[in-house]
C-alpha cells in the first residue's frame, strides 16, 4: 500500500495494488499492519458499515467524541463518490479545512479519516456503495453532526456534477447544527484530547 498524507493532519489516501484480469479485479483494501507502519494509527476494527446511495445523495458531516477517538477507513465498492474530510478540531492549524477525494471501485483507493475529523460524501452515480470500517463502535450519545450545507464550511458538494436542487439529504443531516452552534455548545473535538 502507498499512503499519501492529506493537508489535514490525521488523514491519508491509501492506494492498494489492483490486479485486473478477464474476471474483473482483485485488491487487498485493508491491511492493519501497513496502516500502522505508515501512519502510526493502530486501527483495530470494531465495526463495519455499508451504505448504498442514489445519485445526488449527500451523507454527513458526521464525527464522534468517543474518549478513545474514532477513525474511519472508507472505500467505494460500486458507483462513485466524492469523499469529504473536514477538520473540526478547534485547536488545529487546519481547522475548517476541507479535502475532497474521488473514490470508485477498482481504483484501489481508501481514505483514512483520523479521530476528530468530520466525514461525509457525495454520491456521483446511482447505487454508490460505500464500505467503511470504524476503530471504535458507534455510540449514539457520543456521535455528532454538522449541517453539510453550512455556509461557514462552504463545502462544494458534487463539484458541479449535479445541480443543487437534485441533492438528496436526510432530515437529520440538513437540520443538524451549524459549525458555530457546535462550537458554542462545546461539542467540537480537539487536536490534542
Foldseek 3Di string as FASTA:
>chain_A
DDWDDDPFPQKIKDFWDWAQDPVGIDTDQDDQVVCCVVRVDRQDFDDKDKDWDAAQEKDFFKAFPPVVFKKKKKAKAAAKKWKKKAQQAPADPRHLPIDTDIHHPPRRIIMIHTGQITIMMGGHHHTTMMMMTMSDDDDPVGMAGAQPVQVVSPDDHPVPSDDPVSHDYDPCRNPGHHSVVCVVVVNGHHPPD
